[in-house]
């Protein structure tokens, strides 16, 4: 599957206004609250770029399976496309996932806690989350906020070639302005 993605941020003091707007725009159901611990693993090979996997577990539901996620490099093709498009593979895994990744040669690069809410509008998913730095490795009780804002992500999982999805996302993102400006972020620019 391909992930179509737009990202932005909203300051802490504007959060309630954004949540109110999302409740009005999204499907008529309560948003889903979450608190997840994510560990980012790298496998360094002979080539320049390391291979990255993300392991995520729920802090609210400790017996739920872990999720292992691979996010590919963004497609550079069509510049007129309104959303970032990348390959995405997400699978459920057992609680021994961190040990398995270490045995496979992966090393944990960093970890964080994400707390927030998930809204849905048809196939679109809007995630509003506060990212927290884990101060002592593995101790999710000892955290501090990374910034004074919330990360806002609008995403859709769809088969390759479904470019009308990005137009629908752009239209939805327009309705969230001026509270949040969702845009196609190039991860290479951030490095």
Protein backbone atom coordinates (compact mmCIF):
# COMPACT_ATOMS: atom_id res chain seq x y z
CA UNK A 1 0.00 0.00 0.00
CA UNK A 2 0.98 3.61 -0.45
CA UNK A 3 0.66 6.23 2.25
CA UNK A 4 -0.46 9.69 1.14
CA UNK A 5 0.59 12.20 3.81
CA UNK A 6 0.22 15.87 4.73
CA UNK A 7 1.74 17.26 7.94
CA UNK A 8 1.60 20.41 10.02
CA UNK A 9 1.61 21.59 13.60
CA UNK A 10 -0.62 23.58 15.90
CA UNK A 11 0.48 25.50 18.97
CA UNK A 12 -0.68 24.19 22.34
CA UNK A 13 -2.94 27.22 22.91
CA UNK A 14 -4.80 26.57 19.59
CA UNK A 15 -5.36 22.85 20.18
CA UNK A 16 -8.94 23.09 21.48
CA UNK A 17 -10.05 25.13 18.46
CA UNK A 18 -8.56 22.55 16.09
CA UNK A 19 -10.16 19.62 17.95
CA UNK A 20 -13.53 21.41 17.84
CA UNK A 21 -13.21 21.94 14.08
CA UNK A 22 -12.18 18.30 13.54
CA UNK A 23 -15.20 17.05 15.52
CA UNK A 24 -17.41 19.02 13.15
CA UNK A 25 -15.67 17.97 9.91
CA UNK A 26 -14.94 14.30 10.60
CA UNK A 27 -17.17 11.24 10.79
CA UNK A 28 -19.81 11.34 13.52
CA UNK A 29 -17.94 9.28 16.11
CA UNK A 30 -15.82 10.04 19.14
CA UNK A 31 -12.12 10.44 18.34
CA UNK A 32 -9.92 7.59 19.50
CA UNK A 33 -7.39 8.53 22.21
CA UNK A 34 -3.97 6.90 22.15
CA UNK A 35 -0.65 6.87 23.99
CA UNK A 36 2.05 4.96 22.10
CA UNK A 37 5.72 4.23 22.70
CA UNK A 38 7.66 4.18 19.42
CA UNK A 39 11.19 2.89 18.93
CA UNK A 40 13.06 3.61 15.70
CA UNK A 41 15.56 0.94 14.63
CA UNK A 42 18.32 1.21 12.03
CA UNK A 43 20.25 -1.46 10.16
CA UNK A 44 23.41 -0.07 8.66
CA UNK A 45 24.51 -1.78 5.47
CA UNK A 46 27.19 -1.31 2.83
CA UNK A 47 25.15 1.39 1.07
CA UNK A 48 24.97 4.92 2.44
CA UNK A 49 21.38 5.00 3.77
CA UNK A 50 20.53 2.75 6.73
CA UNK A 51 17.36 0.65 6.62
CA UNK A 52 14.80 1.97 9.13
CA UNK A 53 11.94 0.18 10.91
CA UNK A 54 9.55 1.57 13.50
CA UNK A 55 8.25 -0.54 16.40
CA UNK A 56 5.23 0.87 18.23
CA UNK A 57 3.27 -0.35 21.23
CA UNK A 58 0.23 0.99 23.01
CA UNK A 59 0.71 2.26 26.56
CA UNK A 60 -3.06 2.31 27.12
CA UNK A 61 -3.51 -1.34 26.03
CA UNK A 62 -0.35 -3.20 27.12
CA UNK A 63 -1.64 -6.60 25.94
CA UNK A 64 -2.29 -5.36 22.39
CA UNK A 65 0.22 -6.53 19.77
CA UNK A 66 3.17 -4.38 18.79
CA UNK A 67 3.16 -2.79 15.33
CA UNK A 68 6.17 -2.98 13.04
CA UNK A 69 6.17 -0.33 10.33
CA UNK A 70 8.31 0.25 7.27
CA UNK A 71 8.05 3.63 5.52
CA UNK A 72 9.71 3.86 2.12
CA UNK A 73 11.39 6.84 0.52
CA UNK A 74 8.97 9.48 -0.78
CA UNK A 75 8.15 9.25 -4.48
CA UNK A 76 9.66 12.17 -6.33
CA UNK A 77 7.58 11.84 -9.51
CA UNK A 78 4.66 14.21 -9.98
CA UNK A 79 5.37 17.67 -8.53
CA UNK A 80 1.69 18.65 -8.94
CA UNK A 81 0.64 15.92 -6.49
CA UNK A 82 -0.63 17.60 -3.31
CA UNK A 83 0.55 14.95 -0.83
CA UNK A 84 3.78 13.14 -0.06
CA UNK A 85 3.50 9.54 -1.29
CA UNK A 86 5.57 6.66 0.08
CA UNK A 87 5.43 2.91 0.37
CA UNK A 88 4.05 1.73 3.72
CA UNK A 89 3.98 -1.71 5.32
CA UNK A 90 2.40 -2.10 8.77
CA UNK A 91 2.15 -5.49 10.49
CA UNK A 92 1.18 -6.69 13.96
CA UNK A 93 3.93 -8.41 15.93
CA UNK A 94 4.48 -10.17 19.24
CA UNK A 95 5.84 -8.57 22.41
CA UNK A 96 9.31 -9.97 21.66
CA UNK A 97 9.68 -7.61 18.67
CA UNK A 98 12.51 -5.46 20.16
CA UNK A 99 14.56 -8.55 20.99
CA UNK A 100 13.93 -9.97 17.51
CA UNK A 101 15.07 -6.75 15.82
CA UNK A 102 18.24 -6.69 17.95
CA UNK A 103 18.98 -10.31 17.01
CA UNK A 104 18.55 -9.38 13.33
CA UNK A 105 21.26 -6.72 13.70
CA UNK A 106 19.07 -3.64 14.08
CA UNK A 107 20.04 -1.05 16.69
CA UNK A 108 17.63 1.33 18.37
CA UNK A 109 18.34 4.87 17.15
CA UNK A 110 15.80 6.79 19.22
CA UNK A 111 12.46 6.47 20.98
CA UNK A 112 9.57 8.72 21.88
CA UNK A 113 6.04 8.69 23.26
CA UNK A 114 3.14 10.04 21.19
CA UNK A 115 -0.13 10.94 22.93
CA UNK A 116 -3.18 12.27 21.20
CA UNK A 117 -6.35 11.57 19.27
CA UNK A 118 -7.28 9.99 15.94
CA UNK A 119 -10.16 11.36 13.85
CA UNK A 120 -11.55 9.71 10.70
CA UNK A 121 -13.23 11.12 7.62
CA UNK A 122 -13.99 8.24 5.26
CA UNK A 123 -10.63 6.75 4.29
CA UNK A 124 -8.75 9.76 5.69
CA UNK A 125 -7.16 9.61 9.11
CA UNK A 126 -6.24 12.73 11.06
CA UNK A 127 -3.80 12.20 13.95
CA UNK A 128 -3.22 15.02 16.43
CA UNK A 129 -0.40 14.11 18.79
CA UNK A 130 2.01 15.54 21.33
CA UNK A 131 5.48 14.06 20.94
CA UNK A 132 7.39 13.44 24.16
CA UNK A 133 11.11 12.75 24.55
CA UNK A 134 11.92 9.66 26.63
CA UNK A 135 14.54 10.86 29.13
CA UNK A 136 15.72 7.42 30.31
CA UNK A 137 15.73 4.69 27.68
CA UNK A 138 12.71 2.40 28.04
CA UNK A 139 11.14 4.45 30.86
CA UNK A 140 7.94 5.86 29.34
CA UNK A 141 6.96 7.46 32.67
CA UNK A 142 9.94 9.85 32.49
CA UNK A 143 9.23 12.12 29.49
CA UNK A 144 9.20 15.77 28.47
CA UNK A 145 7.48 17.50 25.53
CA UNK A 146 9.62 17.95 22.41
CA UNK A 147 7.97 21.28 21.56
CA UNK A 148 5.18 23.70 22.41
CA UNK A 149 3.01 22.34 19.62
CA UNK A 150 1.09 19.27 18.47
CA UNK A 151 1.92 17.32 15.32
CA UNK A 152 -1.04 17.07 12.92
CA UNK A 153 -0.94 14.37 10.24
CA UNK A 154 -3.54 13.73 7.55
CA UNK A 155 -3.01 10.37 5.84
CA UNK A 156 -4.68 7.85 3.58
CA UNK A 157 -3.55 4.30 2.79
CA UNK A 158 -4.42 3.45 -0.81
CA UNK A 159 -3.09 1.37 -3.71
CA UNK A 160 -0.47 2.97 -5.95
CA UNK A 161 -1.79 5.32 -8.61
CA UNK A 162 -4.78 6.65 -6.65
CA UNK A 163 -3.76 10.28 -7.18
CA UNK A 164 -7.30 11.62 -6.72
CA UNK A 165 -6.75 10.82 -3.02
CA UNK A 166 -4.25 13.68 -2.72
CA UNK A 167 -6.80 16.12 -4.18
CA UNK A 168 -9.40 15.03 -1.58
CA UNK A 169 -6.77 15.50 1.13
CA UNK A 170 -5.91 18.98 -0.12
CA UNK A 171 -9.61 19.96 -0.06
CA UNK A 172 -9.97 18.68 3.52
CA UNK A 173 -6.74 20.43 4.61
CA UNK A 174 -8.08 23.75 3.23
CA UNK A 175 -10.98 23.50 5.70
CA UNK A 176 -8.52 23.39 8.63
CA UNK A 177 -6.86 26.70 7.73
CA UNK A 178 -5.90 29.03 9.41
CA UNK A 179 -5.71 26.79 12.51
CA UNK A 180 -3.20 24.46 10.87
CA UNK A 181 -1.48 24.50 7.49
CA UNK A 182 -1.05 20.91 6.33
CA UNK A 183 1.56 20.50 3.62
CA UNK A 184 3.71 18.01 1.79
CA UNK A 185 6.90 17.86 3.87
CA UNK A 186 10.07 16.56 2.24
CA UNK A 187 11.90 14.55 4.94
CA UNK A 188 15.22 15.06 3.10
CA UNK A 189 14.94 18.83 3.69
CA UNK A 190 14.81 18.21 7.44
CA UNK A 191 18.14 16.41 7.59
